[in-house]
Amino acid sequence: MTRDEVLIAAFADELRSRRAALRLSQEELAHRAGINRTYIAKLELARNQPTLTVLLRVAEALEVPLPELIAGALVRR
């Protein structure tokens, strides 16, 4: 796995973990973030790499500061 792939996988794990901790479905998280549910699924499967705008929307939907969400992913890698 490349360094980029490791980071994307770590973000996927962090996203899935935080969503589950809030007991949100992918559908609910997508609704809160204004993003398509299939895109959330692809993020959680590390198939897509989010833009900065998407990262911010997801962080807000998870009610977590963006730096904290990113830091969580960095710790996991």
PDB file of N, CA and C in Angstrom:
ATOM      1  N   MET A   1       0.844  -1.181   0.000  1.00  0.00           N
ATOM      2  CA  MET A   1       0.000   0.000   0.000  1.00  0.00           C
ATOM      3  C   MET A   1       0.891   1.246   0.000  1.00  0.00           C
ATOM      4  N   THR A   2       0.517   2.219  -0.797  1.00  0.00           N
ATOM      5  CA  THR A   2       1.272   3.471  -0.821  1.00  0.00           C
ATOM      6  C   THR A   2       0.938   4.305   0.414  1.00  0.00           C
ATOM      7  N   ARG A   3       1.736   5.303   0.645  1.00  0.00           N
ATOM      8  CA  ARG A   3       1.500   6.215   1.774  1.00  0.00           C
ATOM      9  C   ARG A   3       0.128   6.888   1.656  1.00  0.00           C
ATOM     10  N   ASP A   4      -0.235   7.301   0.448  1.00  0.00           N
ATOM     11  CA  ASP A   4      -1.540   7.933   0.229  1.00  0.00           C
ATOM     12  C   ASP A   4      -2.676   6.951   0.529  1.00  0.00           C
ATOM     13  N   GLU A   5      -2.531   5.731   0.079  1.00  0.00           N
ATOM     14  CA  GLU A   5      -3.569   4.716   0.312  1.00  0.00           C
ATOM     15  C   GLU A   5      -3.730   4.434   1.807  1.00  0.00           C
ATOM     16  N   VAL A   6      -2.628   4.421   2.530  1.00  0.00           N
ATOM     17  CA  VAL A   6      -2.679   4.208   3.976  1.00  0.00           C
ATOM     18  C   VAL A   6      -3.446   5.348   4.650  1.00  0.00           C
ATOM     19  N   LEU A   7      -3.173   6.569   4.240  1.00  0.00           N
ATOM     20  CA  LEU A   7      -3.860   7.724   4.820  1.00  0.00           C
ATOM     21  C   LEU A   7      -5.350   7.710   4.492  1.00  0.00           C
ATOM     22  N   ILE A   8      -5.695   7.385   3.256  1.00  0.00           N
ATOM     23  CA  ILE A   8      -7.106   7.326   2.861  1.00  0.00           C
ATOM     24  C   ILE A   8      -7.828   6.227   3.639  1.00  0.00           C
ATOM     25  N   ALA A   9      -7.179   5.088   3.831  1.00  0.00           N
ATOM     26  CA  ALA A   9      -7.773   3.993   4.609  1.00  0.00           C
ATOM     27  C   ALA A   9      -7.940   4.405   6.075  1.00  0.00           C
ATOM     28  N   ALA A  10      -6.977   5.127   6.607  1.00  0.00           N
ATOM     29  CA  ALA A  10      -7.069   5.595   7.992  1.00  0.00           C
ATOM     30  C   ALA A  10      -8.230   6.573   8.154  1.00  0.00           C
ATOM     31  N   PHE A  11      -8.406   7.463   7.165  1.00  0.00           N
ATOM     32  CA  PHE A  11      -9.547   8.383   7.230  1.00  0.00           C
ATOM     33  C   PHE A  11     -10.850   7.600   7.165  1.00  0.00           C
ATOM     34  N   ALA A  12     -10.910   6.588   6.309  1.00  0.00           N
ATOM     35  CA  ALA A  12     -12.106   5.762   6.185  1.00  0.00           C
ATOM     36  C   ALA A  12     -12.459   5.125   7.531  1.00  0.00           C
ATOM     37  N   ASP A  13     -11.462   4.591   8.218  1.00  0.00           N
ATOM     38  CA  ASP A  13     -11.686   3.981   9.527  1.00  0.00           C
ATOM     39  C   ASP A  13     -12.160   5.007  10.550  1.00  0.00           C
ATOM     40  N   GLU A  14     -11.546   6.175  10.532  1.00  0.00           N
ATOM     41  CA  GLU A  14     -11.922   7.243  11.469  1.00  0.00           C
ATOM     42  C   GLU A  14     -13.360   7.694  11.214  1.00  0.00           C
ATOM     43  N   LEU A  15     -13.707   7.879   9.972  1.00  0.00           N
ATOM     44  CA  LEU A  15     -15.067   8.296   9.610  1.00  0.00           C
ATOM     45  C   LEU A  15     -16.087   7.264  10.071  1.00  0.00           C
ATOM     46  N   ARG A  16     -15.850   6.004   9.748  1.00  0.00           N
ATOM     47  CA  ARG A  16     -16.773   4.925  10.118  1.00  0.00           C
ATOM     48  C   ARG A  16     -16.909   4.838  11.640  1.00  0.00           C
ATOM     49  N   SER A  17     -15.791   4.941  12.348  1.00  0.00           N
ATOM     50  CA  SER A  17     -15.806   4.858  13.804  1.00  0.00           C
ATOM     51  C   SER A  17     -16.593   6.008  14.432  1.00  0.00           C
ATOM     52  N   ARG A  18     -16.352   7.212  13.964  1.00  0.00           N
ATOM     53  CA  ARG A  18     -17.070   8.373  14.526  1.00  0.00           C
ATOM     54  C   ARG A  18     -18.562   8.327  14.195  1.00  0.00           C
ATOM     55  N   ARG A  19     -18.896   7.888  12.991  1.00  0.00           N
ATOM     56  CA  ARG A  19     -20.313   7.765  12.615  1.00  0.00           C
ATOM     57  C   ARG A  19     -21.001   6.730  13.498  1.00  0.00           C
ATOM     58  N   ALA A  20     -20.345   5.599  13.691  1.00  0.00           N
ATOM     59  CA  ALA A  20     -20.919   4.535  14.520  1.00  0.00           C
ATOM     60  C   ALA A  20     -21.066   4.981  15.976  1.00  0.00           C
ATOM     61  N   ALA A  21     -20.088   5.734  16.475  1.00  0.00           N
ATOM     62  CA  ALA A  21     -20.150   6.219  17.857  1.00  0.00           C
ATOM     63  C   ALA A  21     -21.366   7.122  18.083  1.00  0.00           C
ATOM     64  N   LEU A  22     -21.760   7.832  17.041  1.00  0.00           N
ATOM     65  CA  LEU A  22     -22.942   8.692  17.126  1.00  0.00           C
ATOM     66  C   LEU A  22     -24.226   7.949  16.778  1.00  0.00           C
ATOM     67  N   ARG A  23     -24.062   6.670  16.434  1.00  0.00           N
ATOM     68  CA  ARG A  23     -25.191   5.821  16.035  1.00  0.00           C
ATOM     69  C   ARG A  23     -25.955   6.403  14.847  1.00  0.00           C
ATOM     70  N   LEU A  24     -25.189   6.927  13.907  1.00  0.00           N
ATOM     71  CA  LEU A  24     -25.784   7.474  12.688  1.00  0.00           C
ATOM     72  C   LEU A  24     -25.663   6.451  11.560  1.00  0.00           C
ATOM     73  N   SER A  25     -26.685   6.358  10.757  1.00  0.00           N
ATOM     74  CA  SER A  25     -26.585   5.552   9.545  1.00  0.00           C
ATOM     75  C   SER A  25     -25.815   6.367   8.505  1.00  0.00           C
ATOM     76  N   GLN A  26     -25.350   5.701   7.486  1.00  0.00           N
ATOM     77  CA  GLN A  26     -24.708   6.426   6.394  1.00  0.00           C
ATOM     78  C   GLN A  26     -25.697   7.411   5.787  1.00  0.00           C
ATOM     79  N   GLU A  27     -26.931   7.000   5.704  1.00  0.00           N
ATOM     80  CA  GLU A  27     -27.984   7.857   5.148  1.00  0.00           C
ATOM     81  C   GLU A  27     -28.142   9.144   5.967  1.00  0.00           C
ATOM     82  N   GLU A  28     -28.179   9.005   7.284  1.00  0.00           N
ATOM     83  CA  GLU A  28     -28.351  10.175   8.151  1.00  0.00           C
ATOM     84  C   GLU A  28     -27.133  11.093   8.077  1.00  0.00           C
ATOM     85  N   LEU A  29     -25.946  10.515   8.095  1.00  0.00           N
ATOM     86  CA  LEU A  29     -24.738  11.329   7.977  1.00  0.00           C
ATOM     87  C   LEU A  29     -24.730  12.067   6.642  1.00  0.00           C
ATOM     88  N   ALA A  30     -25.081  11.375   5.591  1.00  0.00           N
ATOM     89  CA  ALA A  30     -25.125  11.995   4.264  1.00  0.00           C
ATOM     90  C   ALA A  30     -26.116  13.153   4.246  1.00  0.00           C
ATOM     91  N   HIS A  31     -27.267  12.944   4.839  1.00  0.00           N
ATOM     92  CA  HIS A  31     -28.286  14.001   4.895  1.00  0.00           C
ATOM     93  C   HIS A  31     -27.762  15.221   5.650  1.00  0.00           C
ATOM     94  N   ARG A  32     -27.166  14.983   6.802  1.00  0.00           N
ATOM     95  CA  ARG A  32     -26.632  16.082   7.610  1.00  0.00           C
ATOM     96  C   ARG A  32     -25.527  16.851   6.879  1.00  0.00           C
ATOM     97  N   ALA A  33     -24.728  16.115   6.109  1.00  0.00           N
ATOM     98  CA  ALA A  33     -23.591  16.731   5.415  1.00  0.00           C
ATOM     99  C   ALA A  33     -23.960  17.270   4.038  1.00  0.00           C
ATOM    100  N   GLY A  34     -25.153  16.945   3.552  1.00  0.00           N
ATOM    101  CA  GLY A  34     -25.549  17.384   2.217  1.00  0.00           C
ATOM    102  C   GLY A  34     -24.768  16.668   1.123  1.00  0.00           C
ATOM    103  N   ILE A  35     -24.481  15.399   1.376  1.00  0.00           N
ATOM    104  CA  ILE A  35     -23.686  14.576   0.462  1.00  0.00           C
ATOM    105  C   ILE A  35     -24.483  13.315   0.150  1.00  0.00           C
ATOM    106  N   ASN A  36     -24.273  12.752  -1.006  1.00  0.00           N
ATOM    107  CA  ASN A  36     -24.946  11.518  -1.397  1.00  0.00           C
ATOM    108  C   ASN A  36     -24.502  10.358  -0.509  1.00  0.00           C
ATOM    109  N   ARG A  37     -25.433   9.477  -0.127  1.00  0.00           N
ATOM    110  CA  ARG A  37     -25.117   8.351   0.740  1.00  0.00           C
ATOM    111  C   ARG A  37     -24.081   7.422   0.117  1.00  0.00           C
ATOM    112  N   THR A  38     -24.154   7.215  -1.182  1.00  0.00           N
ATOM    113  CA  THR A  38     -23.176   6.330  -1.811  1.00  0.00           C
ATOM    114  C   THR A  38     -21.772   6.914  -1.737  1.00  0.00           C
ATOM    115  N   TYR A  39     -21.664   8.232  -1.709  1.00  0.00           N
ATOM    116  CA  TYR A  39     -20.356   8.857  -1.570  1.00  0.00           C
ATOM    117  C   TYR A  39     -19.804   8.609  -0.163  1.00  0.00           C
ATOM    118  N   ILE A  40     -20.666   8.700   0.848  1.00  0.00           N
ATOM    119  CA  ILE A  40     -20.247   8.381   2.216  1.00  0.00           C
ATOM    120  C   ILE A  40     -19.750   6.942   2.272  1.00  0.00           C
ATOM    121  N   ALA A  41     -20.491   6.036   1.652  1.00  0.00           N
ATOM    122  CA  ALA A  41     -20.078   4.624   1.632  1.00  0.00           C
ATOM    123  C   ALA A  41     -18.713   4.469   0.977  1.00  0.00           C
ATOM    124  N   LYS A  42     -18.497   5.160  -0.122  1.00  0.00           N
ATOM    125  CA  LYS A  42     -17.205   5.077  -0.808  1.00  0.00           C
ATOM    126  C   LYS A  42     -16.080   5.664   0.038  1.00  0.00           C
ATOM    127  N   LEU A  43     -16.366   6.714   0.802  1.00  0.00           N
ATOM    128  CA  LEU A  43     -15.365   7.266   1.711  1.00  0.00           C
ATOM    129  C   LEU A  43     -15.012   6.244   2.786  1.00  0.00           C
ATOM    130  N   GLU A  44     -16.029   5.580   3.326  1.00  0.00           N
ATOM    131  CA  GLU A  44     -15.794   4.598   4.384  1.00  0.00           C
ATOM    132  C   GLU A  44     -15.091   3.344   3.871  1.00  0.00           C
ATOM    133  N   LEU A  45     -15.177   3.087   2.599  1.00  0.00           N
ATOM    134  CA  LEU A  45     -14.492   1.942   1.992  1.00  0.00           C
ATOM    135  C   LEU A  45     -13.138   2.341   1.405  1.00  0.00           C
ATOM    136  N   ALA A  46     -12.757   3.591   1.591  1.00  0.00           N
ATOM    137  CA  ALA A  46     -11.493   4.139   1.081  1.00  0.00           C
ATOM    138  C   ALA A  46     -11.410   4.063  -0.438  1.00  0.00           C
ATOM    139  N   ARG A  47     -12.554   4.199  -1.089  1.00  0.00           N
ATOM    140  CA  ARG A  47     -12.591   4.190  -2.554  1.00  0.00           C
ATOM    141  C   ARG A  47     -12.567   5.593  -3.139  1.00  0.00           C
ATOM    142  N   ASN A  48     -12.894   6.580  -2.318  1.00  0.00           N
ATOM    143  CA  ASN A  48     -12.855   7.970  -2.753  1.00  0.00           C
ATOM    144  C   ASN A  48     -12.020   8.785  -1.777  1.00  0.00           C
ATOM    145  N   GLN A  49     -11.440   9.848  -2.287  1.00  0.00           N
ATOM    146  CA  GLN A  49     -10.659  10.768  -1.475  1.00  0.00           C
ATOM    147  C   GLN A  49     -11.434  12.086  -1.403  1.00  0.00           C
ATOM    148  N   PRO A  50     -11.805  12.519  -0.203  1.00  0.00           N
ATOM    149  CA  PRO A  50     -12.650  13.711  -0.095  1.00  0.00           C
ATOM    150  C   PRO A  50     -11.900  15.008  -0.375  1.00  0.00           C
ATOM    151  N   THR A  51     -12.631  15.974  -0.884  1.00  0.00           N
ATOM    152  CA  THR A  51     -12.099  17.325  -1.046  1.00  0.00           C
ATOM    153  C   THR A  51     -12.140  18.018   0.310  1.00  0.00           C
ATOM    154  N   LEU A  52     -11.508  19.157   0.394  1.00  0.00           N
ATOM    155  CA  LEU A  52     -11.529  19.925   1.628  1.00  0.00           C
ATOM    156  C   LEU A  52     -12.959  20.327   1.992  1.00  0.00           C
ATOM    157  N   THR A  53     -13.739  20.678   1.009  1.00  0.00           N
ATOM    158  CA  THR A  53     -15.137  21.057   1.244  1.00  0.00           C
ATOM    159  C   THR A  53     -15.920  19.892   1.835  1.00  0.00           C
ATOM    160  N   VAL A  54     -15.727  18.709   1.288  1.00  0.00           N
ATOM    161  CA  VAL A  54     -16.418  17.521   1.802  1.00  0.00           C
ATOM    162  C   VAL A  54     -15.938  17.204   3.212  1.00  0.00           C
ATOM    163  N   LEU A  55     -14.635  17.305   3.445  1.00  0.00           N
ATOM    164  CA  LEU A  55     -14.115  17.067   4.794  1.00  0.00           C
ATOM    165  C   LEU A  55     -14.793  17.986   5.806  1.00  0.00           C
ATOM    166  N   LEU A  56     -14.926  19.259   5.463  1.00  0.00           N
ATOM    167  CA  LEU A  56     -15.558  20.209   6.365  1.00  0.00           C
ATOM    168  C   LEU A  56     -17.023  19.862   6.598  1.00  0.00           C
ATOM    169  N   ARG A  57     -17.736  19.517   5.548  1.00  0.00           N
ATOM    170  CA  ARG A  57     -19.155  19.139   5.701  1.00  0.00           C
ATOM    171  C   ARG A  57     -19.312  17.909   6.594  1.00  0.00           C
ATOM    172  N   VAL A  58     -18.456  16.925   6.386  1.00  0.00           N
ATOM    173  CA  VAL A  58     -18.521  15.695   7.175  1.00  0.00           C
ATOM    174  C   VAL A  58     -18.192  15.988   8.635  1.00  0.00           C
ATOM    175  N   ALA A  59     -17.161  16.776   8.874  1.00  0.00           N
ATOM    176  CA  ALA A  59     -16.802  17.128  10.244  1.00  0.00           C
ATOM    177  C   ALA A  59     -17.955  17.845  10.942  1.00  0.00           C
ATOM    178  N   GLU A  60     -18.558  18.785  10.262  1.00  0.00           N
ATOM    179  CA  GLU A  60     -19.693  19.502  10.847  1.00  0.00           C
ATOM    180  C   GLU A  60     -20.855  18.560  11.121  1.00  0.00           C
ATOM    181  N   ALA A  61     -21.112  17.634  10.204  1.00  0.00           N
ATOM    182  CA  ALA A  61     -22.200  16.670  10.391  1.00  0.00           C
ATOM    183  C   ALA A  61     -21.917  15.735  11.566  1.00  0.00           C
ATOM    184  N   LEU A  62     -20.643  15.451  11.803  1.00  0.00           N
ATOM    185  CA  LEU A  62     -20.245  14.607  12.938  1.00  0.00           C
ATOM    186  C   LEU A  62     -20.078  15.415  14.222  1.00  0.00           C
ATOM    187  N   GLU A  63     -20.256  16.731  14.111  1.00  0.00           N
ATOM    188  CA  GLU A  63     -20.141  17.649  15.248  1.00  0.00           C
ATOM    189  C   GLU A  63     -18.758  17.567  15.891  1.00  0.00           C
ATOM    190  N   VAL A  64     -17.737  17.585  15.032  1.00  0.00           N
ATOM    191  CA  VAL A  64     -16.355  17.522  15.483  1.00  0.00           C
ATOM    192  C   VAL A  64     -15.559  18.567  14.697  1.00  0.00           C
ATOM    193  N   PRO A  65     -14.616  19.241  15.325  1.00  0.00           N
ATOM    194  CA  PRO A  65     -13.785  20.185  14.573  1.00  0.00           C
ATOM    195  C   PRO A  65     -12.984  19.444  13.498  1.00  0.00           C
ATOM    196  N   LEU A  66     -12.849  20.045  12.345  1.00  0.00           N
ATOM    197  CA  LEU A  66     -12.119  19.423  11.240  1.00  0.00           C
ATOM    198  C   LEU A  66     -10.717  18.985  11.652  1.00  0.00           C
ATOM    199  N   PRO A  67      -9.939  19.815  12.355  1.00  0.00           N
ATOM    200  CA  PRO A  67      -8.596  19.360  12.749  1.00  0.00           C
ATOM    201  C   PRO A  67      -8.621  18.072  13.590  1.00  0.00           C
ATOM    202  N   GLU A  68      -9.647  17.928  14.421  1.00  0.00           N
ATOM    203  CA  GLU A  68      -9.763  16.726  15.249  1.00  0.00           C
ATOM    204  C   GLU A  68     -10.054  15.494  14.392  1.00  0.00           C
ATOM    205  N   LEU A  69     -10.906  15.654  13.396  1.00  0.00           N
ATOM    206  CA  LEU A  69     -11.217  14.540  12.487  1.00  0.00           C
ATOM    207  C   LEU A  69      -9.968  14.109  11.724  1.00  0.00           C
ATOM    208  N   ILE A  70      -9.226  15.066  11.233  1.00  0.00           N
ATOM    209  CA  ILE A  70      -7.999  14.762  10.479  1.00  0.00           C
ATOM    210  C   ILE A  70      -6.944  14.155  11.418  1.00  0.00           C
ATOM    211  N   ALA A  71      -6.815  14.704  12.611  1.00  0.00           N
ATOM    212  CA  ALA A  71      -5.848  14.173  13.574  1.00  0.00           C
ATOM    213  C   ALA A  71      -6.159  12.715  13.918  1.00  0.00           C
ATOM    214  N   GLY A  72      -7.438  12.408  14.035  1.00  0.00           N
ATOM    215  CA  GLY A  72      -7.839  11.032  14.306  1.00  0.00           C
ATOM    216  C   GLY A  72      -7.391  10.088  13.214  1.00  0.00           C
ATOM    217  N   ALA A  73      -7.504  10.531  11.974  1.00  0.00           N
ATOM    218  CA  ALA A  73      -7.050   9.723  10.841  1.00  0.00           C
ATOM    219  C   ALA A  73      -5.535   9.574  10.849  1.00  0.00           C
ATOM    220  N   LEU A  74      -4.838  10.636  11.180  1.00  0.00           N
ATOM    221  CA  LEU A  74      -3.371  10.584  11.205  1.00  0.00           C
ATOM    222  C   LEU A  74      -2.862   9.629  12.276  1.00  0.00           C
ATOM    223  N   VAL A  75      -3.547   9.569  13.402  1.00  0.00           N
ATOM    224  CA  VAL A  75      -3.163   8.660  14.473  1.00  0.00           C
ATOM    225  C   VAL A  75      -3.355   7.209  14.036  1.00  0.00           C
ATOM    226  N   ARG A  76      -4.376   6.946  13.240  1.00  0.00           N
ATOM    227  CA  ARG A  76      -4.687   5.582  12.805  1.00  0.00           C
ATOM    228  C   ARG A  76      -3.716   5.034  11.760  1.00  0.00           C
ATOM    229  N   ARG A  77      -3.023   5.911  11.045  1.00  0.00           N
ATOM    230  CA  ARG A  77      -2.194   5.409   9.945  1.00  0.00           C
ATOM    231  C   ARG A  77      -0.947   4.753  10.390  1.00  0.00           C
TER     232      ARG A  77
END
